[in-house]
Amino acid sequence: MSLGQVYTVGTKSPYLHLDIYKGHFATSHAHMNYYIDIASNKASIKEARAIAEVLSEHYRASAEIDTILCLDNTEVIGACLADCLTAPDSFSVNAGRDIFVLTPEHIGGSQLYFRDNTAPMIAGKSVLILAASVVTGYTAESAAEAIRYYGGEPVGVCSIFAKITDCAGLRVRSVFDPTDLPDYNTSPALTCPMCRRGERITALVNSFGISAL
């Protein structure tokens, strides 16, 4: 796979960064001019822990959380986030609590489904939605709808990168945002300016990764 030069958005922490490629990338919902490669962010325990520590600061003192619903293969980050939130801390409302870290099944594209033995981890629970990225908000909104359908209450959305700050009536918290990528652009396929200029698609993207064309 050749995607060209990789750029890194760094921080003071060697484990907290974004690797990005510039081009013409397509998902099932949108086209964008950057591909944010967060494979290592989701798989490395040190990088996942660094992300979780940043995200946990938004919820430590303000939100009781029973379940973290992990989208986009973010289970490692979800486990680290649960550990951060439940660590002994006089300021944390979740200190000493037990938190479920749950991954949904998908049916019919973006529709989420929970089986009889996992639905009780949603019903009557305060659920935090964790995604790899929140760009259009389509996937996170589907997750919020599913949580409510199964009798739970979504209390927030968090991610590694987010373009929007609100989704399905919930505040979106992220480690990185468009201020880190000021020329980041996303649009529906039908109105994509790169398509209108005749620029070929560099690669197809989904939650599992990227496939160059």
N, C-alpha and C. Protein backbone atom coordinates (compact mmCIF):
# COMPACT_ATOMS: atom_id res chain seq x y z
N MET A 1 0.84 -1.19 0.00
CA MET A 1 0.00 0.00 0.00
C MET A 1 0.88 1.25 0.00
N SER A 2 0.66 2.14 -0.93
CA SER A 2 1.41 3.39 -1.01
C SER A 2 0.45 4.56 -0.90
N LEU A 3 0.55 5.30 0.18
CA LEU A 3 -0.32 6.43 0.40
C LEU A 3 0.44 7.75 0.38
N GLY A 4 1.72 7.69 0.08
CA GLY A 4 2.52 8.90 0.07
C GLY A 4 3.12 9.19 1.42
N GLN A 5 3.48 10.44 1.62
CA GLN A 5 4.18 10.83 2.83
C GLN A 5 3.23 10.87 4.04
N VAL A 6 3.72 10.38 5.16
CA VAL A 6 2.95 10.43 6.39
C VAL A 6 3.39 11.65 7.19
N TYR A 7 2.42 12.34 7.75
CA TYR A 7 2.67 13.49 8.61
C TYR A 7 2.23 13.14 10.02
N THR A 8 2.92 13.68 11.00
CA THR A 8 2.58 13.38 12.38
C THR A 8 2.20 14.64 13.13
N VAL A 9 1.04 14.60 13.78
CA VAL A 9 0.63 15.66 14.70
C VAL A 9 1.03 15.20 16.08
N GLY A 10 2.01 15.84 16.66
CA GLY A 10 2.56 15.37 17.93
C GLY A 10 2.11 16.20 19.12
N THR A 11 2.43 15.71 20.29
CA THR A 11 2.19 16.40 21.56
C THR A 11 3.45 16.26 22.41
N LYS A 12 3.38 16.70 23.64
CA LYS A 12 4.51 16.55 24.54
C LYS A 12 4.75 15.09 24.91
N SER A 13 3.70 14.27 24.80
CA SER A 13 3.83 12.85 25.11
C SER A 13 4.23 12.08 23.86
N PRO A 14 5.25 11.21 23.94
CA PRO A 14 5.63 10.42 22.77
C PRO A 14 4.57 9.40 22.37
N TYR A 15 3.62 9.15 23.24
CA TYR A 15 2.58 8.15 22.99
C TYR A 15 1.25 8.78 22.59
N LEU A 16 1.23 10.10 22.44
CA LEU A 16 -0.01 10.80 22.10
C LEU A 16 0.21 11.57 20.81
N HIS A 17 -0.24 10.99 19.69
CA HIS A 17 0.03 11.60 18.40
C HIS A 17 -0.97 11.09 17.37
N LEU A 18 -1.03 11.78 16.23
CA LEU A 18 -1.82 11.35 15.09
C LEU A 18 -0.91 11.22 13.88
N ASP A 19 -1.01 10.09 13.17
CA ASP A 19 -0.33 9.93 11.89
C ASP A 19 -1.36 10.14 10.78
N ILE A 20 -1.05 11.00 9.84
CA ILE A 20 -2.04 11.38 8.81
C ILE A 20 -1.42 11.33 7.42
N TYR A 21 -2.29 11.07 6.43
CA TYR A 21 -1.92 11.12 5.02
C TYR A 21 -2.85 12.11 4.34
N LYS A 22 -2.31 12.84 3.37
CA LYS A 22 -3.14 13.77 2.62
C LYS A 22 -3.45 13.16 1.26
N GLY A 23 -4.73 13.28 0.83
CA GLY A 23 -5.15 12.70 -0.42
C GLY A 23 -6.65 12.84 -0.59
N HIS A 24 -7.25 11.87 -1.24
CA HIS A 24 -8.70 11.84 -1.48
C HIS A 24 -9.21 10.49 -1.00
N PHE A 25 -9.87 10.50 0.15
CA PHE A 25 -10.25 9.26 0.82
C PHE A 25 -11.77 9.18 0.95
N ALA A 26 -12.28 7.95 0.83
CA ALA A 26 -13.73 7.76 0.82
C ALA A 26 -14.15 6.73 1.86
N THR A 27 -15.18 7.08 2.64
CA THR A 27 -15.85 6.13 3.52
C THR A 27 -17.23 5.86 2.92
N SER A 28 -18.03 5.08 3.63
CA SER A 28 -19.39 4.83 3.15
C SER A 28 -20.30 6.05 3.31
N HIS A 29 -19.85 7.04 4.10
CA HIS A 29 -20.69 8.20 4.38
C HIS A 29 -20.15 9.50 3.80
N ALA A 30 -18.84 9.58 3.56
CA ALA A 30 -18.26 10.87 3.21
C ALA A 30 -16.92 10.71 2.50
N HIS A 31 -16.46 11.81 1.93
CA HIS A 31 -15.11 11.90 1.37
C HIS A 31 -14.34 12.93 2.20
N MET A 32 -13.04 12.72 2.35
CA MET A 32 -12.21 13.66 3.10
C MET A 32 -10.83 13.78 2.48
N ASN A 33 -10.14 14.87 2.82
CA ASN A 33 -8.83 15.13 2.22
C ASN A 33 -7.68 14.63 3.09
N TYR A 34 -7.98 14.05 4.25
CA TYR A 34 -6.96 13.44 5.09
C TYR A 34 -7.42 12.05 5.52
N TYR A 35 -6.47 11.13 5.58
CA TYR A 35 -6.72 9.86 6.26
C TYR A 35 -5.94 9.88 7.56
N ILE A 36 -6.64 9.72 8.66
CA ILE A 36 -6.01 9.70 9.98
C ILE A 36 -5.78 8.25 10.36
N ASP A 37 -4.52 7.85 10.39
CA ASP A 37 -4.17 6.46 10.66
C ASP A 37 -4.06 6.25 12.16
N ILE A 38 -5.13 5.72 12.76
CA ILE A 38 -5.16 5.54 14.20
C ILE A 38 -5.06 4.07 14.60
N ALA A 39 -4.51 3.25 13.69
CA ALA A 39 -4.37 1.83 14.00
C ALA A 39 -3.52 1.61 15.23
N SER A 40 -2.37 2.29 15.31
CA SER A 40 -1.50 2.08 16.47
C SER A 40 -2.09 2.70 17.72
N ASN A 41 -2.85 3.82 17.57
CA ASN A 41 -3.50 4.43 18.73
C ASN A 41 -4.46 3.45 19.40
N LYS A 42 -5.10 2.61 18.58
CA LYS A 42 -6.09 1.66 19.10
C LYS A 42 -5.46 0.36 19.59
N ALA A 43 -4.26 0.02 19.09
CA ALA A 43 -3.67 -1.28 19.39
C ALA A 43 -2.56 -1.24 20.43
N SER A 44 -1.84 -0.14 20.50
CA SER A 44 -0.72 -0.02 21.44
C SER A 44 -1.24 0.30 22.83
N ILE A 45 -0.82 -0.47 23.82
CA ILE A 45 -1.32 -0.25 25.18
C ILE A 45 -0.84 1.10 25.72
N LYS A 46 0.38 1.52 25.37
CA LYS A 46 0.87 2.80 25.86
C LYS A 46 0.15 3.96 25.20
N GLU A 47 -0.12 3.85 23.89
CA GLU A 47 -0.85 4.91 23.21
C GLU A 47 -2.31 4.93 23.66
N ALA A 48 -2.90 3.76 23.82
CA ALA A 48 -4.29 3.69 24.29
C ALA A 48 -4.41 4.29 25.69
N ARG A 49 -3.44 4.01 26.53
CA ARG A 49 -3.46 4.54 27.89
C ARG A 49 -3.35 6.07 27.88
N ALA A 50 -2.48 6.60 27.02
CA ALA A 50 -2.32 8.06 26.93
C ALA A 50 -3.61 8.72 26.48
N ILE A 51 -4.29 8.13 25.51
CA ILE A 51 -5.57 8.66 25.03
C ILE A 51 -6.61 8.59 26.14
N ALA A 52 -6.67 7.46 26.83
CA ALA A 52 -7.65 7.28 27.90
C ALA A 52 -7.45 8.28 29.02
N GLU A 53 -6.21 8.58 29.35
CA GLU A 53 -5.94 9.53 30.43
C GLU A 53 -6.47 10.93 30.07
N VAL A 54 -6.34 11.33 28.81
CA VAL A 54 -6.86 12.63 28.39
C VAL A 54 -8.39 12.62 28.42
N LEU A 55 -9.00 11.59 27.85
CA LEU A 55 -10.46 11.54 27.79
C LEU A 55 -11.09 11.44 29.17
N SER A 56 -10.45 10.71 30.07
CA SER A 56 -11.04 10.50 31.40
C SER A 56 -11.20 11.80 32.17
N GLU A 57 -10.37 12.80 31.86
CA GLU A 57 -10.45 14.07 32.58
C GLU A 57 -11.78 14.78 32.36
N HIS A 58 -12.45 14.47 31.25
CA HIS A 58 -13.74 15.11 30.97
C HIS A 58 -14.89 14.50 31.78
N TYR A 59 -14.66 13.32 32.37
CA TYR A 59 -15.76 12.60 33.02
C TYR A 59 -15.48 12.25 34.48
N ARG A 60 -14.25 12.39 34.92
CA ARG A 60 -13.88 11.94 36.27
C ARG A 60 -14.78 12.52 37.35
N ALA A 61 -15.04 13.80 37.28
CA ALA A 61 -15.76 14.47 38.37
C ALA A 61 -17.21 14.76 38.04
N SER A 62 -17.68 14.37 36.85
CA SER A 62 -18.99 14.85 36.44
C SER A 62 -19.99 13.79 35.99
N ALA A 63 -19.53 12.60 35.61
CA ALA A 63 -20.46 11.65 35.01
C ALA A 63 -20.26 10.24 35.57
N GLU A 64 -21.32 9.71 36.20
CA GLU A 64 -21.29 8.31 36.59
C GLU A 64 -21.49 7.45 35.34
N ILE A 65 -20.60 6.50 35.15
CA ILE A 65 -20.61 5.68 33.94
C ILE A 65 -20.67 4.21 34.33
N ASP A 66 -21.65 3.51 33.77
CA ASP A 66 -21.78 2.07 34.01
C ASP A 66 -21.16 1.23 32.89
N THR A 67 -21.23 1.76 31.67
CA THR A 67 -20.80 1.00 30.49
C THR A 67 -20.10 1.92 29.51
N ILE A 68 -19.01 1.44 28.94
CA ILE A 68 -18.36 2.13 27.83
C ILE A 68 -18.63 1.31 26.58
N LEU A 69 -19.34 1.90 25.62
CA LEU A 69 -19.67 1.21 24.38
C LEU A 69 -18.60 1.55 23.34
N CYS A 70 -17.83 0.54 22.95
CA CYS A 70 -16.67 0.75 22.08
C CYS A 70 -17.02 0.53 20.62
N LEU A 71 -16.90 1.58 19.83
CA LEU A 71 -17.11 1.51 18.39
C LEU A 71 -15.75 1.51 17.69
N ASP A 72 -15.71 1.07 16.45
CA ASP A 72 -14.51 1.21 15.60
C ASP A 72 -13.28 0.50 16.17
N ASN A 73 -13.49 -0.64 16.84
CA ASN A 73 -12.36 -1.43 17.37
C ASN A 73 -11.53 -0.67 18.41
N THR A 74 -12.22 0.02 19.31
CA THR A 74 -11.54 0.82 20.33
C THR A 74 -11.53 0.13 21.70
N GLU A 75 -11.63 -1.19 21.71
CA GLU A 75 -11.75 -1.90 22.99
C GLU A 75 -10.55 -1.70 23.91
N VAL A 76 -9.34 -1.62 23.35
CA VAL A 76 -8.15 -1.43 24.19
C VAL A 76 -8.22 -0.08 24.88
N ILE A 77 -8.58 0.95 24.13
CA ILE A 77 -8.75 2.28 24.73
C ILE A 77 -9.87 2.24 25.76
N GLY A 78 -10.97 1.55 25.44
CA GLY A 78 -12.09 1.46 26.37
C GLY A 78 -11.71 0.84 27.69
N ALA A 79 -10.90 -0.22 27.64
CA ALA A 79 -10.46 -0.87 28.89
C ALA A 79 -9.57 0.07 29.70
N CYS A 80 -8.67 0.79 29.00
CA CYS A 80 -7.82 1.76 29.70
C CYS A 80 -8.64 2.90 30.28
N LEU A 81 -9.67 3.34 29.54
CA LEU A 81 -10.52 4.42 30.02
C LEU A 81 -11.30 3.99 31.26
N ALA A 82 -11.82 2.78 31.26
CA ALA A 82 -12.52 2.26 32.43
C ALA A 82 -11.58 2.19 33.63
N ASP A 83 -10.34 1.79 33.39
CA ASP A 83 -9.35 1.71 34.47
C ASP A 83 -9.04 3.09 35.03
N CYS A 84 -8.91 4.09 34.14
CA CYS A 84 -8.64 5.45 34.60
C CYS A 84 -9.80 6.00 35.42
N LEU A 85 -11.02 5.75 34.96
CA LEU A 85 -12.19 6.30 35.63
C LEU A 85 -12.45 5.66 36.98
N THR A 86 -12.10 4.39 37.14
CA THR A 86 -12.41 3.69 38.39
C THR A 86 -11.24 3.66 39.36
N ALA A 87 -10.11 4.26 38.99
CA ALA A 87 -8.94 4.28 39.88
C ALA A 87 -9.26 5.06 41.16
N PRO A 88 -8.67 4.67 42.29
CA PRO A 88 -8.92 5.39 43.54
C PRO A 88 -8.56 6.86 43.41
N ASP A 89 -9.54 7.72 43.61
CA ASP A 89 -9.35 9.16 43.42
C ASP A 89 -10.52 9.87 44.09
N SER A 90 -10.21 10.76 44.98
CA SER A 90 -11.28 11.45 45.73
C SER A 90 -12.10 12.36 44.84
N PHE A 91 -11.60 12.71 43.65
CA PHE A 91 -12.33 13.59 42.75
C PHE A 91 -13.16 12.83 41.73
N SER A 92 -12.97 11.52 41.63
CA SER A 92 -13.66 10.74 40.60
C SER A 92 -14.95 10.15 41.15
N VAL A 93 -16.05 10.41 40.43
CA VAL A 93 -17.34 9.88 40.86
C VAL A 93 -17.45 8.39 40.55
N ASN A 94 -16.50 7.87 39.78
CA ASN A 94 -16.52 6.45 39.42
C ASN A 94 -15.48 5.63 40.16
N ALA A 95 -14.77 6.23 41.09
CA ALA A 95 -13.73 5.52 41.82
C ALA A 95 -14.31 4.29 42.52
N GLY A 96 -13.69 3.15 42.28
CA GLY A 96 -14.12 1.92 42.93
C GLY A 96 -15.31 1.24 42.29
N ARG A 97 -15.92 1.87 41.28
CA ARG A 97 -17.07 1.27 40.61
C ARG A 97 -16.62 0.21 39.61
N ASP A 98 -17.57 -0.58 39.16
CA ASP A 98 -17.32 -1.53 38.08
C ASP A 98 -17.91 -0.95 36.79
N ILE A 99 -17.15 -0.99 35.70
CA ILE A 99 -17.62 -0.47 34.42
C ILE A 99 -17.53 -1.58 33.38
N PHE A 100 -18.62 -1.80 32.66
CA PHE A 100 -18.60 -2.76 31.56
C PHE A 100 -17.94 -2.11 30.34
N VAL A 101 -17.14 -2.88 29.63
CA VAL A 101 -16.55 -2.44 28.36
C VAL A 101 -17.11 -3.34 27.28
N LEU A 102 -17.96 -2.77 26.44
CA LEU A 102 -18.80 -3.58 25.56
C LEU A 102 -18.64 -3.17 24.10
N THR A 103 -18.68 -4.17 23.22
CA THR A 103 -18.65 -3.94 21.77
C THR A 103 -19.97 -4.41 21.18
N PRO A 104 -20.64 -3.59 20.38
CA PRO A 104 -21.91 -4.00 19.79
C PRO A 104 -21.71 -4.84 18.54
N GLU A 105 -22.74 -5.56 18.16
CA GLU A 105 -22.78 -6.19 16.84
C GLU A 105 -23.47 -5.23 15.88
N HIS A 106 -23.18 -5.40 14.60
CA HIS A 106 -23.79 -4.54 13.58
C HIS A 106 -24.62 -5.39 12.64
N ILE A 107 -25.83 -4.96 12.38
CA ILE A 107 -26.68 -5.62 11.39
C ILE A 107 -27.24 -4.55 10.47
N GLY A 108 -27.41 -4.89 9.22
CA GLY A 108 -27.98 -3.92 8.28
C GLY A 108 -27.17 -2.66 8.16
N GLY A 109 -25.84 -2.80 8.12
CA GLY A 109 -24.98 -1.63 7.96
C GLY A 109 -24.62 -1.01 9.29
N SER A 110 -25.28 0.08 9.66
CA SER A 110 -24.92 0.81 10.88
C SER A 110 -25.82 0.50 12.06
N GLN A 111 -26.81 -0.36 11.90
CA GLN A 111 -27.71 -0.67 13.00
C GLN A 111 -27.00 -1.54 14.03
N LEU A 112 -27.09 -1.15 15.30
CA LEU A 112 -26.43 -1.87 16.38
C LEU A 112 -27.38 -2.85 17.03
N TYR A 113 -26.81 -3.96 17.48
CA TYR A 113 -27.62 -5.05 18.02
C TYR A 113 -26.93 -5.63 19.25
N PHE A 114 -27.72 -5.90 20.29
CA PHE A 114 -27.20 -6.52 21.50
C PHE A 114 -27.97 -7.80 21.77
N ARG A 115 -27.26 -8.85 22.13
CA ARG A 115 -27.90 -10.14 22.40
C ARG A 115 -28.41 -10.19 23.84
N ASP A 116 -29.11 -11.27 24.14
CA ASP A 116 -29.78 -11.37 25.44
C ASP A 116 -28.80 -11.29 26.61
N ASN A 117 -27.56 -11.75 26.40
CA ASN A 117 -26.61 -11.75 27.52
C ASN A 117 -25.79 -10.45 27.60
N THR A 118 -25.88 -9.59 26.59
CA THR A 118 -25.17 -8.31 26.65
C THR A 118 -26.12 -7.11 26.81
N ALA A 119 -27.38 -7.29 26.43
CA ALA A 119 -28.35 -6.20 26.58
C ALA A 119 -28.47 -5.69 28.01
N PRO A 120 -28.36 -6.57 29.06
CA PRO A 120 -28.43 -6.05 30.43
C PRO A 120 -27.28 -5.10 30.78
N MET A 121 -26.20 -5.09 29.98
CA MET A 121 -25.11 -4.15 30.22
C MET A 121 -25.44 -2.76 29.67
N ILE A 122 -26.58 -2.67 28.97
CA ILE A 122 -27.06 -1.40 28.42
C ILE A 122 -28.32 -0.93 29.15
N ALA A 123 -29.27 -1.83 29.35
CA ALA A 123 -30.56 -1.48 29.96
C ALA A 123 -30.37 -0.89 31.36
N GLY A 124 -30.93 0.29 31.56
CA GLY A 124 -30.85 0.94 32.87
C GLY A 124 -29.48 1.47 33.22
N LYS A 125 -28.57 1.51 32.25
CA LYS A 125 -27.19 1.93 32.50
C LYS A 125 -26.91 3.30 31.90
N SER A 126 -25.95 3.99 32.50
CA SER A 126 -25.40 5.22 31.92
C SER A 126 -24.24 4.82 31.03
N VAL A 127 -24.35 5.12 29.74
CA VAL A 127 -23.42 4.58 28.75
C VAL A 127 -22.63 5.69 28.08
N LEU A 128 -21.31 5.54 28.09
CA LEU A 128 -20.42 6.46 27.39
C LEU A 128 -20.04 5.83 26.04
N ILE A 129 -20.23 6.56 24.96
CA ILE A 129 -19.90 6.08 23.62
C ILE A 129 -18.46 6.46 23.31
N LEU A 130 -17.66 5.46 22.95
CA LEU A 130 -16.26 5.68 22.58
C LEU A 130 -16.07 5.30 21.12
N ALA A 131 -15.59 6.23 20.31
CA ALA A 131 -15.36 5.99 18.89
C ALA A 131 -13.92 6.34 18.55
N ALA A 132 -13.43 5.81 17.43
CA ALA A 132 -12.10 6.18 16.97
C ALA A 132 -12.10 7.62 16.48
N SER A 133 -13.11 7.98 15.70
CA SER A 133 -13.24 9.35 15.22
C SER A 133 -14.72 9.67 15.07
N VAL A 134 -15.04 10.94 15.19
CA VAL A 134 -16.41 11.41 14.98
C VAL A 134 -16.32 12.56 13.99
N VAL A 135 -16.67 12.25 12.75
CA VAL A 135 -16.55 13.24 11.67
C VAL A 135 -17.93 13.72 11.24
N THR A 136 -18.75 12.82 10.72
CA THR A 136 -20.12 13.20 10.35
C THR A 136 -21.07 13.01 11.54
N GLY A 137 -20.71 12.15 12.48
CA GLY A 137 -21.57 11.85 13.62
C GLY A 137 -22.56 10.75 13.34
N TYR A 138 -22.55 10.20 12.15
CA TYR A 138 -23.54 9.20 11.74
C TYR A 138 -23.47 7.94 12.61
N THR A 139 -22.28 7.42 12.82
CA THR A 139 -22.13 6.19 13.59
C THR A 139 -22.44 6.41 15.07
N ALA A 140 -21.94 7.51 15.62
CA ALA A 140 -22.21 7.80 17.03
C ALA A 140 -23.69 8.03 17.28
N GLU A 141 -24.36 8.67 16.32
CA GLU A 141 -25.80 8.90 16.46
C GLU A 141 -26.55 7.56 16.46
N SER A 142 -26.14 6.63 15.59
CA SER A 142 -26.76 5.31 15.57
C SER A 142 -26.55 4.59 16.90
N ALA A 143 -25.37 4.77 17.49
CA ALA A 143 -25.09 4.15 18.79
C ALA A 143 -25.99 4.72 19.87
N ALA A 144 -26.18 6.04 19.87
CA ALA A 144 -27.04 6.67 20.86
C ALA A 144 -28.48 6.19 20.72
N GLU A 145 -28.94 6.04 19.49
CA GLU A 145 -30.30 5.54 19.25
C GLU A 145 -30.45 4.11 19.77
N ALA A 146 -29.43 3.28 19.53
CA ALA A 146 -29.50 1.89 19.98
C ALA A 146 -29.49 1.81 21.50
N ILE A 147 -28.67 2.63 22.13
CA ILE A 147 -28.62 2.63 23.60
C ILE A 147 -29.99 2.97 24.18
N ARG A 148 -30.63 3.98 23.63
CA ARG A 148 -31.95 4.38 24.12
C ARG A 148 -32.99 3.29 23.82
N TYR A 149 -32.88 2.66 22.67
CA TYR A 149 -33.82 1.60 22.31
C TYR A 149 -33.72 0.44 23.30
N TYR A 150 -32.52 0.12 23.75
CA TYR A 150 -32.33 -0.99 24.69
C TYR A 150 -32.47 -0.56 26.15
N GLY A 151 -32.95 0.66 26.38
CA GLY A 151 -33.27 1.09 27.73
C GLY A 151 -32.15 1.73 28.49
N GLY A 152 -31.06 2.09 27.82
CA GLY A 152 -29.96 2.77 28.48
C GLY A 152 -30.03 4.27 28.26
N GLU A 153 -29.08 4.98 28.86
CA GLU A 153 -29.02 6.42 28.73
C GLU A 153 -27.61 6.83 28.31
N PRO A 154 -27.43 7.31 27.07
CA PRO A 154 -26.11 7.78 26.66
C PRO A 154 -25.75 9.06 27.40
N VAL A 155 -24.54 9.12 27.93
CA VAL A 155 -24.14 10.28 28.72
C VAL A 155 -23.05 11.11 28.04
N GLY A 156 -22.55 10.63 26.90
CA GLY A 156 -21.53 11.39 26.20
C GLY A 156 -20.92 10.59 25.07
N VAL A 157 -20.17 11.30 24.23
CA VAL A 157 -19.44 10.69 23.13
C VAL A 157 -18.00 11.17 23.22
N CYS A 158 -17.05 10.25 23.09
CA CYS A 158 -15.65 10.65 23.10
C CYS A 158 -14.89 9.88 22.02
N SER A 159 -13.77 10.44 21.59
CA SER A 159 -13.04 9.84 20.49
C SER A 159 -11.61 10.36 20.46
N ILE A 160 -10.81 9.72 19.61
CA ILE A 160 -9.44 10.20 19.40
C ILE A 160 -9.46 11.52 18.64
N PHE A 161 -10.22 11.54 17.54
CA PHE A 161 -10.36 12.76 16.73
C PHE A 161 -11.83 13.03 16.50
N ALA A 162 -12.22 14.28 16.55
CA ALA A 162 -13.61 14.66 16.26
C ALA A 162 -13.63 15.98 15.51
N LYS A 163 -14.50 16.04 14.53
CA LYS A 163 -14.70 17.28 13.79
C LYS A 163 -15.84 18.10 14.37
N ILE A 164 -16.81 17.41 15.01
CA ILE A 164 -17.98 18.09 15.55
C ILE A 164 -17.93 18.07 17.07
N THR A 165 -18.67 18.95 17.70
CA THR A 165 -18.66 19.05 19.16
C THR A 165 -19.94 18.56 19.80
N ASP A 166 -20.98 18.32 18.98
CA ASP A 166 -22.25 17.81 19.50
C ASP A 166 -22.78 16.76 18.54
N CYS A 167 -23.41 15.73 19.11
CA CYS A 167 -23.98 14.65 18.30
C CYS A 167 -25.12 14.00 19.06
N ALA A 168 -26.28 13.90 18.45
CA ALA A 168 -27.45 13.27 19.07
C ALA A 168 -27.78 13.89 20.42
N GLY A 169 -27.56 15.20 20.54
CA GLY A 169 -27.83 15.89 21.79
C GLY A 169 -26.79 15.66 22.86
N LEU A 170 -25.63 15.11 22.49
CA LEU A 170 -24.56 14.79 23.44
C LEU A 170 -23.31 15.60 23.11
N ARG A 171 -22.57 15.98 24.14
CA ARG A 171 -21.29 16.67 23.93
C ARG A 171 -20.25 15.66 23.44
N VAL A 172 -19.50 16.04 22.42
CA VAL A 172 -18.43 15.19 21.90
C VAL A 172 -17.10 15.70 22.44
N ARG A 173 -16.37 14.82 23.09
CA ARG A 173 -15.04 15.14 23.62
C ARG A 173 -14.00 14.36 22.83
N SER A 174 -12.87 14.98 22.55
CA SER A 174 -11.84 14.29 21.79
C SER A 174 -10.45 14.75 22.21
N VAL A 175 -9.46 13.96 21.85
CA VAL A 175 -8.07 14.32 22.11
C VAL A 175 -7.58 15.32 21.06
N PHE A 176 -7.94 15.06 19.80
CA PHE A 176 -7.56 15.93 18.69
C PHE A 176 -8.82 16.44 17.99
N ASP A 177 -8.73 17.63 17.39
CA ASP A 177 -9.87 18.22 16.69
C ASP A 177 -9.36 19.03 15.50
N PRO A 178 -10.25 19.71 14.76
CA PRO A 178 -9.80 20.43 13.56
C PRO A 178 -8.75 21.50 13.81
N THR A 179 -8.56 21.96 15.03
CA THR A 179 -7.48 22.92 15.27
C THR A 179 -6.11 22.27 15.05
N ASP A 180 -6.06 20.94 15.13
CA ASP A 180 -4.82 20.22 14.85
C ASP A 180 -4.64 19.96 13.36
N LEU A 181 -5.73 20.03 12.60
CA LEU A 181 -5.71 19.87 11.14
C LEU A 181 -6.57 20.98 10.54
N PRO A 182 -6.05 22.21 10.49
CA PRO A 182 -6.90 23.34 10.11
C PRO A 182 -7.47 23.28 8.71
N ASP A 183 -6.85 22.54 7.79
CA ASP A 183 -7.40 22.46 6.43
C ASP A 183 -8.13 21.15 6.19
N TYR A 184 -8.45 20.43 7.26
CA TYR A 184 -9.20 19.18 7.13
C TYR A 184 -10.58 19.48 6.56
N ASN A 185 -10.99 18.67 5.58
CA ASN A 185 -12.29 18.89 4.95
C ASN A 185 -12.98 17.56 4.71
N THR A 186 -14.26 17.51 4.99
CA THR A 186 -15.06 16.33 4.69
C THR A 186 -16.39 16.77 4.09
N SER A 187 -16.93 15.96 3.20
CA SER A 187 -18.19 16.31 2.54
C SER A 187 -18.86 15.06 2.03
N PRO A 188 -20.18 15.11 1.80
CA PRO A 188 -20.86 13.97 1.17
C PRO A 188 -20.29 13.72 -0.23
N ALA A 189 -20.34 12.47 -0.66
CA ALA A 189 -19.75 12.11 -1.96
C ALA A 189 -20.32 12.95 -3.10
N LEU A 190 -21.62 13.24 -3.06
CA LEU A 190 -22.26 13.96 -4.16
C LEU A 190 -21.80 15.41 -4.28
N THR A 191 -21.28 15.96 -3.18
CA THR A 191 -20.83 17.35 -3.22
C THR A 191 -19.33 17.49 -2.97
N CYS A 192 -18.60 16.38 -3.10
CA CYS A 192 -17.17 16.40 -2.83
C CYS A 192 -16.44 17.29 -3.83
N PRO A 193 -15.73 18.31 -3.35
CA PRO A 193 -15.02 19.21 -4.27
C PRO A 193 -13.88 18.50 -5.00
N MET A 194 -13.26 17.50 -4.39
CA MET A 194 -12.18 16.78 -5.06
C MET A 194 -12.72 15.96 -6.23
N CYS A 195 -13.91 15.35 -6.03
CA CYS A 195 -14.55 14.61 -7.13
C CYS A 195 -14.89 15.56 -8.27
N ARG A 196 -15.39 16.74 -7.93
CA ARG A 196 -15.77 17.71 -8.95
C ARG A 196 -14.56 18.19 -9.74
N ARG A 197 -13.39 18.18 -9.11
CA ARG A 197 -12.16 18.57 -9.81
C ARG A 197 -11.55 17.40 -10.58
N GLY A 198 -12.19 16.23 -10.48
CA GLY A 198 -11.70 15.07 -11.19
C GLY A 198 -10.55 14.36 -10.52
N GLU A 199 -10.32 14.60 -9.24
CA GLU A 199 -9.22 13.96 -8.52
C GLU A 199 -9.60 12.53 -8.16
N ARG A 200 -8.73 11.60 -8.52
CA ARG A 200 -9.00 10.20 -8.26
C ARG A 200 -8.98 9.91 -6.76
N ILE A 201 -9.78 8.94 -6.33
CA ILE A 201 -9.81 8.53 -4.93
C ILE A 201 -8.51 7.79 -4.61
N THR A 202 -7.86 8.19 -3.54
CA THR A 202 -6.61 7.57 -3.12
C THR A 202 -6.84 6.20 -2.50
N ALA A 203 -7.86 6.11 -1.65
CA ALA A 203 -8.09 4.86 -0.93
C ALA A 203 -9.49 4.85 -0.33
N LEU A 204 -9.96 3.63 -0.04
CA LEU A 204 -11.23 3.43 0.67
C LEU A 204 -10.93 3.19 2.14
N VAL A 205 -11.78 3.73 3.00
CA VAL A 205 -11.53 3.70 4.44
C VAL A 205 -12.74 3.17 5.19
N ASN A 206 -12.51 2.33 6.19
CA ASN A 206 -13.56 1.97 7.15
C ASN A 206 -12.92 1.81 8.52
N SER A 207 -13.67 1.29 9.49
CA SER A 207 -13.17 1.21 10.86
C SER A 207 -12.02 0.22 11.01
N PHE A 208 -11.85 -0.68 10.04
CA PHE A 208 -10.77 -1.65 10.12
C PHE A 208 -9.47 -1.12 9.53
N GLY A 209 -9.54 -0.09 8.70
CA GLY A 209 -8.32 0.45 8.12
C GLY A 209 -8.54 1.03 6.75
N ILE A 210 -7.54 0.87 5.89
CA ILE A 210 -7.54 1.55 4.61
C ILE A 210 -7.07 0.61 3.51
N SER A 211 -7.63 0.77 2.31
CA SER A 211 -7.23 -0.01 1.15
C SER A 211 -6.98 0.95 -0.01
N ALA A 212 -5.74 1.04 -0.43
CA ALA A 212 -5.38 1.95 -1.52
C ALA A 212 -5.95 1.45 -2.83
N LEU A 213 -6.32 2.40 -3.71
CA LEU A 213 -6.84 2.07 -5.03
C LEU A 213 -5.75 2.25 -6.09
